[in-house]
Amino acid sequence: MESLKEKTAKGLFWGGMNNGMQQLIGLVIGIILGRLLTPDDYGMIAMISIFSLIANELQSSGFKTALVNQPHPTHEDYNAVFWFNVMAGAVIYVILFFCAPLIADYYHQPALVPLCRYAFLSFVFSSFGIAQSAYLTKNLKIKEIAATGITAIALSGTVGALMAWQGFSYWSLATQANLFIAINTVLLWYHSSWRPTMDINLRPVRRMFRFSCKIMASAIFTIINANVLNILLGRYFTPRDTGNYNQAYQWNFKCFSVVQGMMNQVAQPVFVELAGQRDRQRAAFRKMLRFTAFISFPLLFGLSLVSQEFIVITIGEKWLDSAHLMQILCLGGAVMPLSTLMTNMVISHGRSNIYMWTTLALGLLQIALMLWLYPYGVRTMVIAYTLLQIVWVAVWWWFVHRLTGYRFLSLLKDTLPFAGIAAAVMVATHFATLPLHSPILLLVSRIVLAALLYFTVMKLAHAVILEECLGFFRRKNHPGPPEENTHPGPPEGRE
């Protein structure tokens, strides 16, 4: 039988493969759609995306996390969640169907009425797959989840690109989203051995609701936090401004979600497995945090470095305004996987209330800040949004510290070396490539030079995490998350 360490290693690998391949395919599809569509098309979808996302969380109600967080969920637990999600999805869709005119009035865009009613079908489709997804995640079937996501994004992206080529404008984006959810749901059923039965009993749902409702509320607040600029830009600025910001945010999101998604698929099961073993749980957390920092900082800082060349080459100069916004957003995107890992630790301790109230506080502060700053323009709002994301890492650390004894000095040791080296590498790469003027040459040379420099510095610093990653791919060992000493520099003492 595989050890927890081996399962975690494979989970990280397949989680990374899943998110990496999804984002790679999404990159290709995004380039095609970006060339075929306009900022106004993206702006139309960006305005309503928050409603689909919130509706999806309402119908799932945090029960996937509740199932994963249980030591031994039963068939009755999965069955109750399945039927609740299906019924909730149908009811919420009917409500939003009739609310579509109100949404269109808020944005002063009558064309949003039919678009809303079509796009909102996505969360109805997803309601049939939540219990299946929870089952696969709980059993660390990350390889199956990876195959599901990669297939769904490839097929839906192809259809969306073909529709955009045929002139369907923003309808192609809505169709792509609907198809992704539908195909993903079908494939989750294919890979999962669990099946619902008709003996509907919602008592397990009531039992889990005290925990799951806080997860649901937190997820809704997180969605609002991530989409607050779309909401305000759609209201106070033009669809073009909204589309430019949304394009920048989507590229930033694609990049940091590679790391974030990889950790999300293993963190909860591992932390729950180690519940009651404080030292081992904290050690596992630190290993994951270092691995996350090792990947996230160079990836996002690198995207910020090449954002202008990347946008101009891939989707054209019509999106140049989004490139300037993406440079800023990537700085905040680098810390998003760190924050997410900390929230997983909080949730694994059963403290969904901390997760909920902290996320709510972030949202309220963010909304107030954006409403105050919107007269100063989009760029000022994006800078403030990014700075707040960075500062909020310290807030999440505080709660992890209270639950596990994880010290702030340890946080600095586990993350700052990677952040500092990544930043220095990007600055050196920027100045070394200044004489180049061709966008293609700039893009290629900056990516290659930055990667080589980062790898070389990690090697010279004898970063254990790098050696373990290389060892894993050579199949000499199966280390799982990086070992205890996974930061550049000499080994540290135990806490």
Protein backbone atom coordinates (compact mmCIF):
# COMPACT_ATOMS: atom_id res chain seq x y z
CA MET A 1 0.00 0.00 0.00
CA GLU A 2 1.26 3.46 -0.86
CA SER A 3 2.37 5.63 2.04
CA LEU A 4 0.92 9.09 2.60
CA LYS A 5 4.22 10.51 1.37
CA GLU A 6 3.99 8.58 -1.91
CA LYS A 7 0.33 9.51 -2.39
CA THR A 8 1.19 13.16 -1.79
CA ALA A 9 4.07 13.01 -4.27
CA LYS A 10 1.86 11.52 -6.95
CA GLY A 11 -0.92 13.91 -6.06
CA LEU A 12 1.41 16.88 -6.50
CA PHE A 13 2.68 15.50 -9.80
CA TRP A 14 -0.75 14.81 -11.28
CA GLY A 15 -2.19 17.97 -9.76
CA GLY A 16 0.60 19.91 -11.45
CA MET A 17 0.06 17.97 -14.68
CA ASN A 18 -3.67 18.69 -14.55
CA ASN A 19 -3.36 22.41 -13.93
CA GLY A 20 -0.29 22.79 -16.13
CA MET A 21 -1.91 21.08 -19.11
CA GLN A 22 -5.21 22.88 -18.57
CA GLN A 23 -3.47 26.24 -18.50
CA LEU A 24 -1.31 25.32 -21.50
CA ILE A 25 -4.37 24.35 -23.53
CA GLY A 26 -6.15 27.41 -22.14
CA LEU A 27 -3.19 29.49 -23.26
CA VAL A 28 -3.57 28.31 -26.84
CA ILE A 29 -7.35 28.73 -26.81
CA GLY A 30 -7.02 32.11 -25.11
CA ILE A 31 -4.64 33.32 -27.79
CA ILE A 32 -7.02 32.24 -30.55
CA LEU A 33 -10.03 33.81 -28.85
CA GLY A 34 -8.09 36.97 -28.01
CA ARG A 35 -7.25 37.45 -31.69
CA LEU A 36 -10.80 36.75 -32.87
CA LEU A 37 -12.75 38.65 -30.20
CA THR A 38 -12.69 42.20 -28.89
CA PRO A 39 -12.30 43.68 -25.39
CA ASP A 40 -16.04 44.47 -25.52
CA ASP A 41 -16.85 40.77 -26.01
CA TYR A 42 -14.78 39.81 -22.99
CA GLY A 43 -16.31 42.68 -21.04
CA MET A 44 -19.84 41.33 -21.59
CA ILE A 45 -18.91 37.95 -20.14
CA ALA A 46 -16.87 39.49 -17.32
CA MET A 47 -19.89 41.48 -16.15
CA ILE A 48 -22.01 38.39 -15.52
CA SER A 49 -19.40 35.81 -14.55
CA ILE A 50 -19.71 36.64 -10.86
CA PHE A 51 -23.39 35.62 -10.86
CA SER A 52 -22.61 32.17 -12.27
CA LEU A 53 -19.76 31.72 -9.82
CA ILE A 54 -21.84 32.72 -6.80
CA ALA A 55 -24.78 30.57 -7.93
CA ASN A 56 -22.42 27.63 -8.30
CA GLU A 57 -21.23 28.07 -4.71
CA LEU A 58 -24.80 28.40 -3.44
CA GLN A 59 -25.88 25.14 -5.04
CA SER A 60 -22.74 23.28 -3.89
CA SER A 61 -22.96 24.90 -0.43
CA GLY A 62 -19.45 23.89 0.59
CA PHE A 63 -20.35 20.21 0.80
CA LYS A 64 -17.43 19.07 -1.35
CA THR A 65 -15.01 20.47 1.22
CA ALA A 66 -17.13 19.05 4.03
CA LEU A 67 -16.95 15.57 2.48
CA VAL A 68 -13.20 15.78 1.93
CA ASN A 69 -12.74 17.02 5.49
CA GLN A 70 -14.53 13.98 6.96
CA PRO A 71 -12.26 11.09 7.99
CA HIS A 72 -14.56 8.41 6.53
CA PRO A 73 -17.55 9.74 4.54
CA THR A 74 -20.24 7.14 3.82
CA HIS A 75 -22.43 6.45 0.80
CA GLU A 76 -25.29 8.20 2.59
CA ASP A 77 -23.14 11.33 2.93
CA TYR A 78 -22.25 11.42 -0.78
CA ASN A 79 -25.83 10.60 -1.79
CA ALA A 80 -27.33 13.37 0.34
CA VAL A 81 -24.88 15.93 -1.08
CA PHE A 82 -25.60 14.81 -4.64
CA TRP A 83 -29.37 15.24 -4.41
CA PHE A 84 -29.13 18.49 -2.49
CA ASN A 85 -26.82 19.96 -5.16
CA VAL A 86 -29.11 18.90 -8.01
CA MET A 87 -32.23 20.34 -6.40
CA ALA A 88 -30.47 23.55 -5.35
CA GLY A 89 -29.03 24.01 -8.83
CA ALA A 90 -32.47 23.81 -10.45
CA VAL A 91 -34.06 26.26 -8.00
CA ILE A 92 -31.26 28.83 -8.27
CA TYR A 93 -31.30 28.72 -12.07
CA VAL A 94 -35.03 29.49 -12.14
CA ILE A 95 -34.49 32.45 -9.80
CA LEU A 96 -31.62 33.87 -11.88
CA PHE A 97 -33.53 33.28 -15.11
CA PHE A 98 -36.11 35.80 -13.97
CA CYS A 99 -33.47 38.12 -12.48
CA ALA A 100 -31.66 38.51 -15.81
CA PRO A 101 -33.42 41.82 -16.67
CA LEU A 102 -32.30 43.30 -13.33
CA ILE A 103 -28.69 42.36 -14.05
CA ALA A 104 -28.93 43.95 -17.50
CA ASP A 105 -30.38 47.13 -15.97
CA TYR A 106 -27.51 47.40 -13.48
CA TYR A 107 -24.95 47.39 -16.28
CA HIS A 108 -27.13 49.33 -18.75
CA GLN A 109 -26.70 46.49 -21.28
CA PRO A 110 -30.03 45.00 -22.56
CA ALA A 111 -28.13 42.32 -24.51
CA LEU A 112 -27.18 40.72 -21.20
CA VAL A 113 -30.69 39.29 -20.68
CA PRO A 114 -30.45 36.35 -23.13
CA LEU A 115 -26.74 35.98 -22.45
CA CYS A 116 -27.38 35.53 -18.71
CA ARG A 117 -30.07 32.92 -19.25
CA TYR A 118 -27.76 30.92 -21.49
CA ALA A 119 -24.54 31.29 -19.50
CA PHE A 120 -26.20 30.40 -16.19
CA LEU A 121 -26.83 26.84 -17.41
CA SER A 122 -23.23 26.05 -16.45
CA PHE A 123 -23.92 25.75 -12.72
CA VAL A 124 -26.90 23.46 -13.42
CA PHE A 125 -24.56 21.10 -15.25
CA SER A 126 -21.96 21.31 -12.47
CA SER A 127 -24.47 20.31 -9.78
CA PHE A 128 -24.40 16.73 -11.09
CA GLY A 129 -20.63 16.40 -10.59
CA ILE A 130 -19.85 17.85 -7.16
CA ALA A 131 -20.27 14.62 -5.19
CA GLN A 132 -18.26 12.73 -7.81
CA SER A 133 -15.47 15.29 -7.63
CA ALA A 134 -15.44 15.07 -3.83
CA TYR A 135 -15.17 11.27 -4.02
CA LEU A 136 -12.18 11.40 -6.38
CA THR A 137 -10.46 14.13 -4.35
CA LYS A 138 -11.01 12.35 -1.03
CA ASN A 139 -9.41 9.22 -2.44
CA LEU A 140 -6.53 11.21 -4.00
CA LYS A 141 -7.53 10.11 -7.51
CA ILE A 142 -5.70 13.12 -8.89
CA LYS A 143 -4.67 11.37 -12.11
CA GLU A 144 -8.32 10.81 -13.00
CA ILE A 145 -9.19 14.42 -12.14
CA ALA A 146 -6.31 15.54 -14.35
CA ALA A 147 -7.53 13.51 -17.33
CA THR A 148 -11.03 14.90 -16.83
CA GLY A 149 -10.00 18.56 -16.72
CA ILE A 150 -7.56 18.33 -19.62
CA THR A 151 -10.09 16.64 -21.90
CA ALA A 152 -12.87 19.07 -20.98
CA ILE A 153 -10.85 22.20 -21.60
CA ALA A 154 -9.49 20.89 -24.92
CA LEU A 155 -12.91 19.99 -26.33
CA SER A 156 -14.76 23.05 -25.02
CA GLY A 157 -11.96 25.38 -26.09
CA THR A 158 -11.99 23.99 -29.61
CA VAL A 159 -15.73 24.56 -29.93
CA GLY A 160 -15.42 28.07 -28.50
CA ALA A 161 -12.64 28.96 -30.95
CA LEU A 162 -14.64 27.64 -33.91
CA MET A 163 -17.67 29.68 -32.85
CA ALA A 164 -15.56 32.83 -32.47
CA TRP A 165 -14.12 32.23 -35.95
CA GLN A 166 -17.67 32.02 -37.28
CA GLY A 167 -18.54 35.40 -35.74
CA PHE A 168 -20.53 34.41 -32.64
CA SER A 169 -18.70 37.05 -30.54
CA TYR A 170 -19.35 36.71 -26.78
CA TRP A 171 -21.67 33.75 -27.32
CA SER A 172 -18.59 31.68 -28.10
CA LEU A 173 -17.18 32.43 -24.63
CA ALA A 174 -20.45 31.47 -22.94
CA THR A 175 -20.66 28.24 -24.95
CA GLN A 176 -17.08 27.37 -24.09
CA ALA A 177 -17.82 27.74 -20.37
CA ASN A 178 -21.02 25.68 -20.56
CA LEU A 179 -19.37 22.90 -22.53
CA PHE A 180 -16.39 22.76 -20.17
CA ILE A 181 -18.66 22.16 -17.17
CA ALA A 182 -20.85 19.65 -19.02
CA ILE A 183 -17.94 17.57 -20.34
CA ASN A 184 -16.13 17.76 -17.01
CA THR A 185 -19.21 16.45 -15.21
CA VAL A 186 -19.66 13.53 -17.61
CA LEU A 187 -16.02 12.51 -17.25
CA LEU A 188 -16.14 12.74 -13.45
CA TRP A 189 -18.92 10.17 -13.57
CA TYR A 190 -16.84 8.01 -15.87
CA HIS A 191 -13.81 7.98 -13.57
CA SER A 192 -15.67 7.68 -10.26
CA SER A 193 -16.92 4.32 -9.00
CA TRP A 194 -19.48 5.92 -6.70
CA ARG A 195 -23.08 6.25 -7.93
CA PRO A 196 -26.09 7.99 -6.37
CA THR A 197 -29.18 6.01 -5.37
CA MET A 198 -32.83 7.00 -5.17
CA ASP A 199 -33.09 6.60 -1.38
CA ILE A 200 -32.97 10.34 -0.82
CA ASN A 201 -32.14 11.26 2.77
CA LEU A 202 -30.92 14.78 3.45
CA ARG A 203 -30.12 14.28 7.14
CA PRO A 204 -26.36 14.04 6.45
CA VAL A 205 -26.61 17.40 4.70
CA ARG A 206 -28.10 18.97 7.80
CA ARG A 207 -25.35 17.44 9.90
CA MET A 208 -22.60 18.83 7.63
CA PHE A 209 -24.24 22.20 7.08
CA ARG A 210 -22.83 23.89 10.18
CA PHE A 211 -19.35 23.37 8.76
CA SER A 212 -20.14 23.64 5.05
CA CYS A 213 -22.19 26.84 5.26
CA LYS A 214 -19.09 28.70 6.40
CA ILE A 215 -17.13 27.23 3.49
CA MET A 216 -19.92 28.32 1.15
CA ALA A 217 -20.02 31.84 2.55
CA SER A 218 -16.22 32.06 2.38
CA ALA A 219 -16.21 30.87 -1.23
CA ILE A 220 -18.80 33.49 -2.15
CA PHE A 221 -16.78 36.21 -0.45
CA THR A 222 -13.67 34.96 -2.28
CA ILE A 223 -15.51 35.18 -5.61
CA ILE A 224 -16.63 38.71 -4.83
CA ASN A 225 -13.08 39.61 -3.82
CA ALA A 226 -11.69 38.25 -7.08
CA ASN A 227 -14.36 39.88 -9.23
CA VAL A 228 -14.94 43.17 -7.44
CA LEU A 229 -13.10 45.08 -10.16
CA ASN A 230 -15.19 43.44 -12.89
CA ILE A 231 -18.34 44.51 -11.03
CA LEU A 232 -17.22 48.11 -10.54
CA LEU A 233 -15.57 48.55 -13.93
CA GLY A 234 -18.69 47.22 -15.65
CA ARG A 235 -20.76 49.76 -13.72
CA TYR A 236 -18.58 52.87 -13.82
CA PHE A 237 -16.43 52.32 -16.91
CA THR A 238 -16.94 50.92 -20.40
CA PRO A 239 -17.17 47.26 -21.54
CA ARG A 240 -13.79 47.83 -23.19
CA ASP A 241 -12.16 48.83 -19.88
CA THR A 242 -13.79 45.82 -18.23
CA GLY A 243 -12.58 43.54 -21.01
CA ASN A 244 -9.00 44.83 -20.81
CA TYR A 245 -8.88 44.26 -17.06
CA ASN A 246 -10.53 40.85 -17.36
CA GLN A 247 -8.02 39.76 -20.02
CA ALA A 248 -5.14 40.78 -17.73
CA TYR A 249 -6.70 39.04 -14.74
CA GLN A 250 -7.36 35.83 -16.70
CA TRP A 251 -3.72 35.49 -17.79
CA ASN A 252 -2.57 36.17 -14.23
CA PHE A 253 -5.10 33.63 -12.94
CA LYS A 254 -4.05 30.99 -15.46
CA CYS A 255 -0.48 31.32 -14.24
CA PHE A 256 -0.93 31.24 -10.47
CA SER A 257 -3.69 28.61 -10.60
CA VAL A 258 -1.14 26.14 -12.00
CA VAL A 259 0.52 26.18 -8.58
CA GLN A 260 -2.61 26.84 -6.55
CA GLY A 261 -4.56 24.00 -8.13
CA MET A 262 -1.70 21.56 -7.68
CA MET A 263 -1.57 22.22 -3.94
CA ASN A 264 -5.35 22.38 -3.50
CA GLN A 265 -5.82 18.82 -4.69
CA VAL A 266 -3.53 17.33 -2.04
CA ALA A 267 -3.39 19.81 0.87
CA GLN A 268 -6.79 19.08 2.43
CA PRO A 269 -6.55 15.27 2.35
CA VAL A 270 -2.97 15.35 3.70
CA PHE A 271 -3.68 17.83 6.50
CA VAL A 272 -6.79 15.89 7.55
CA GLU A 273 -4.80 12.64 7.49
CA LEU A 274 -2.28 14.22 9.90
CA ALA A 275 -4.90 15.71 12.22
CA GLY A 276 -3.88 15.27 15.83
CA GLN A 277 -0.19 15.07 14.91
CA ARG A 278 0.71 18.73 15.27
CA ASP A 279 4.43 18.47 14.55
CA ARG A 280 3.99 16.25 11.47
CA GLN A 281 1.17 18.40 10.15
CA ARG A 282 3.18 21.57 10.57
CA ALA A 283 6.20 19.95 8.90
CA ALA A 284 4.05 18.88 5.94
CA PHE A 285 2.65 22.39 5.71
CA ARG A 286 6.12 23.93 5.64
CA LYS A 287 7.27 21.55 2.95
CA MET A 288 4.29 22.41 0.78
CA LEU A 289 4.74 26.12 1.43
CA ARG A 290 8.37 26.02 0.31
CA PHE A 291 7.51 24.02 -2.77
CA THR A 292 4.78 26.57 -3.58
CA ALA A 293 7.15 29.53 -3.13
CA PHE A 294 9.83 27.80 -5.21
CA ILE A 295 7.43 27.59 -8.19
CA SER A 296 5.09 30.55 -7.72
CA PHE A 297 7.51 33.48 -7.41
CA PRO A 298 9.61 32.86 -10.54
CA LEU A 299 6.51 31.90 -12.55
CA LEU A 300 4.51 35.03 -11.75
CA PHE A 301 7.42 37.46 -11.61
CA GLY A 302 8.49 36.06 -14.97
CA LEU A 303 5.06 36.62 -16.49
CA SER A 304 5.15 40.20 -15.23
CA LEU A 305 8.54 40.65 -16.88
CA VAL A 306 7.37 39.48 -20.33
CA SER A 307 3.75 40.66 -20.15
CA GLN A 308 3.99 43.33 -22.84
CA GLU A 309 5.83 41.15 -25.36
CA PHE A 310 3.55 38.21 -24.55
CA ILE A 311 0.34 40.18 -25.13
CA VAL A 312 1.51 41.90 -28.33
CA ILE A 313 2.78 38.67 -29.90
CA THR A 314 -0.11 36.41 -28.90
CA ILE A 315 -3.33 38.44 -29.05
CA GLY A 316 -2.25 41.70 -30.66
CA GLU A 317 -1.66 45.35 -29.89
CA LYS A 318 -5.38 45.98 -29.40
CA TRP A 319 -4.87 44.39 -25.94
CA LEU A 320 -1.81 46.47 -24.99
CA ASP A 321 -3.67 48.22 -22.16
CA SER A 322 -4.25 44.83 -20.53
CA ALA A 323 -0.50 44.10 -20.62
CA HIS A 324 0.23 47.08 -18.36
CA LEU A 325 -2.41 45.88 -15.89
CA MET A 326 -1.09 42.32 -16.02
CA GLN A 327 2.38 43.50 -14.96
CA ILE A 328 0.87 44.73 -11.71
CA LEU A 329 -1.55 41.86 -11.11
CA CYS A 330 1.19 39.22 -11.40
CA LEU A 331 2.95 40.63 -8.34
CA GLY A 332 -0.12 39.86 -6.26
CA GLY A 333 -0.71 36.60 -8.11
CA ALA A 334 2.65 35.31 -6.86
CA VAL A 335 1.36 35.16 -3.26
CA MET A 336 -2.11 33.79 -4.02
CA PRO A 337 -1.03 30.12 -3.82
CA LEU A 338 0.60 30.85 -0.45
CA SER A 339 -2.62 32.31 0.91
CA THR A 340 -4.62 29.39 -0.44
CA LEU A 341 -2.35 26.85 1.23
CA MET A 342 -2.78 28.67 4.54
CA THR A 343 -6.57 28.63 4.19
CA ASN A 344 -6.40 24.86 3.61
CA MET A 345 -4.56 24.51 6.91
CA VAL A 346 -7.20 26.59 8.70
CA ILE A 347 -10.04 24.54 7.20
CA SER A 348 -8.34 21.23 8.03
CA HIS A 349 -8.56 22.22 11.71
CA GLY A 350 -12.33 22.52 11.35
CA ARG A 351 -12.14 26.30 11.67
CA SER A 352 -14.32 27.21 8.74
CA ASN A 353 -15.54 30.16 10.83
CA ILE A 354 -12.06 31.72 10.72
CA TYR A 355 -11.93 31.18 6.98
CA MET A 356 -15.34 32.77 6.51
CA TRP A 357 -14.87 35.87 8.66
CA THR A 358 -11.34 36.56 7.44
CA THR A 359 -12.46 36.30 3.82
CA LEU A 360 -15.43 38.55 4.55
CA ALA A 361 -13.15 41.14 6.16
CA LEU A 362 -10.90 41.10 3.10
CA GLY A 363 -13.90 41.55 0.81
CA LEU A 364 -15.38 44.46 2.73
CA LEU A 365 -12.03 46.22 2.93
CA GLN A 366 -11.45 45.63 -0.76
CA ILE A 367 -14.87 46.92 -1.83
CA ALA A 368 -14.51 50.04 0.31
CA LEU A 369 -11.03 50.66 -1.09
CA MET A 370 -12.16 50.22 -4.70
CA LEU A 371 -15.19 52.49 -4.27
CA TRP A 372 -12.93 55.16 -2.81
CA LEU A 373 -10.34 54.86 -5.57
CA TYR A 374 -12.43 54.40 -8.72
CA PRO A 375 -12.44 58.16 -9.53
CA TYR A 376 -8.63 57.87 -9.85
CA GLY A 377 -8.82 55.36 -12.69
CA VAL A 378 -8.42 51.67 -13.43
CA ARG A 379 -4.64 51.52 -12.89
CA THR A 380 -4.86 52.98 -9.38
CA MET A 381 -7.56 50.47 -8.48
CA VAL A 382 -5.45 47.57 -9.75
CA ILE A 383 -2.39 48.72 -7.76
CA ALA A 384 -4.42 48.95 -4.56
CA TYR A 385 -6.04 45.56 -5.22
CA THR A 386 -2.60 43.96 -5.69
CA LEU A 387 -1.06 45.51 -2.57
CA LEU A 388 -3.98 44.33 -0.47
CA GLN A 389 -3.54 40.73 -1.70
CA ILE A 390 0.13 40.83 -0.68
CA VAL A 391 -0.53 42.34 2.77
CA TRP A 392 -3.30 39.82 3.49
CA VAL A 393 -0.80 36.94 3.52
CA ALA A 394 0.22 38.14 6.99
CA VAL A 395 -3.39 37.90 8.15
CA TRP A 396 -3.66 34.29 7.04
CA TRP A 397 -0.30 33.54 8.69
CA TRP A 398 -1.61 34.87 12.01
CA PHE A 399 -4.39 32.29 12.10
CA VAL A 400 -2.10 29.46 11.00
CA HIS A 401 0.24 30.51 13.81
CA ARG A 402 -2.57 30.33 16.38
CA LEU A 403 -3.60 26.86 15.21
CA THR A 404 -0.18 25.27 14.65
CA GLY A 405 2.47 27.45 16.32
CA TYR A 406 4.00 28.30 12.94
CA ARG A 407 6.23 31.31 13.57
CA PHE A 408 6.52 34.44 11.44
CA LEU A 409 10.29 33.99 11.25
CA SER A 410 9.67 30.55 9.76
CA LEU A 411 7.33 32.09 7.19
CA LEU A 412 10.06 34.48 6.15
CA LYS A 413 12.63 31.67 5.95
CA ASP A 414 10.27 29.51 3.91
CA THR A 415 9.28 32.13 1.34
CA LEU A 416 11.56 35.19 1.19
CA PRO A 417 14.63 33.43 -0.24
CA PHE A 418 12.61 32.27 -3.25
CA ALA A 419 10.90 35.65 -3.64
CA GLY A 420 14.19 37.55 -3.38
CA ILE A 421 16.07 35.32 -5.80
CA ALA A 422 13.19 35.35 -8.30
CA ALA A 423 12.97 39.16 -8.15
CA ALA A 424 16.73 39.58 -8.56
CA VAL A 425 16.74 37.20 -11.52
CA MET A 426 13.96 39.13 -13.25
CA VAL A 427 15.67 42.48 -12.69
CA ALA A 428 18.96 41.12 -14.05
CA THR A 429 17.16 39.62 -17.04
CA HIS A 430 15.38 42.90 -17.75
CA PHE A 431 18.58 44.91 -17.92
CA ALA A 432 20.50 42.22 -19.79
CA THR A 433 17.90 42.17 -22.57
CA LEU A 434 17.34 45.93 -22.87
CA PRO A 435 19.38 46.22 -26.12
CA LEU A 436 16.94 43.87 -27.86
CA HIS A 437 14.00 45.44 -29.68
CA SER A 438 12.20 42.62 -31.45
CA PRO A 439 9.19 41.52 -29.33
CA ILE A 440 9.69 37.85 -30.28
CA LEU A 441 13.40 37.96 -29.51
CA LEU A 442 12.71 39.75 -26.24
CA LEU A 443 10.10 37.20 -25.18
CA VAL A 444 12.22 34.16 -25.97
CA SER A 445 15.49 35.53 -24.59
CA ARG A 446 13.90 36.71 -21.35
CA ILE A 447 12.20 33.38 -20.70
CA VAL A 448 15.34 31.36 -21.44
CA LEU A 449 17.72 33.65 -19.56
CA ALA A 450 15.47 33.96 -16.50
CA ALA A 451 14.95 30.19 -16.31
CA LEU A 452 18.67 29.48 -16.60
CA LEU A 453 19.58 32.11 -14.02
CA TYR A 454 17.00 30.89 -11.51
CA PHE A 455 18.06 27.27 -11.95
CA THR A 456 21.74 28.19 -11.59
CA VAL A 457 21.21 30.22 -8.43
CA MET A 458 19.13 27.43 -6.88
CA LYS A 459 21.89 24.95 -7.73
CA LEU A 460 24.63 27.14 -6.28
CA ALA A 461 22.54 27.70 -3.15
CA HIS A 462 22.18 23.90 -2.79
CA ALA A 463 18.39 24.21 -2.56
CA VAL A 464 17.21 20.80 -1.38
CA ILE A 465 13.83 21.34 -3.00
CA LEU A 466 15.43 21.51 -6.44
CA GLU A 467 17.37 18.30 -5.88
CA GLU A 468 14.27 16.49 -4.70
CA CYS A 469 12.24 17.66 -7.67
CA LEU A 470 14.98 16.48 -10.02
CA GLY A 471 15.22 13.22 -8.12
CA PHE A 472 11.49 12.66 -8.45
CA PHE A 473 11.58 13.11 -12.19
CA ARG A 474 14.59 10.82 -12.44
CA ARG A 475 12.56 8.26 -10.49
CA LYS A 476 15.39 7.72 -8.01
CA ASN A 477 13.00 8.39 -5.15
CA HIS A 478 9.45 9.60 -4.46
CA PRO A 479 9.89 12.46 -2.04
CA GLY A 480 6.38 13.92 -2.01
CA PRO A 481 6.56 17.51 -0.85
CA PRO A 482 10.12 18.81 -0.35
CA GLU A 483 11.99 17.67 2.69
CA GLU A 484 12.29 19.80 5.84
CA ASN A 485 15.25 21.78 4.56
CA THR A 486 13.86 23.09 1.30
CA HIS A 487 15.02 26.68 1.25
CA PRO A 488 18.30 28.01 -0.04
CA GLY A 489 20.95 28.19 2.64
CA PRO A 490 22.21 26.02 5.46
CA PRO A 491 19.93 23.61 7.31
CA GLU A 492 17.86 25.21 10.03
CA GLY A 493 17.15 23.89 13.49
CA ARG A 494 13.82 22.34 14.42
CA GLU A 495 11.11 24.59 15.70
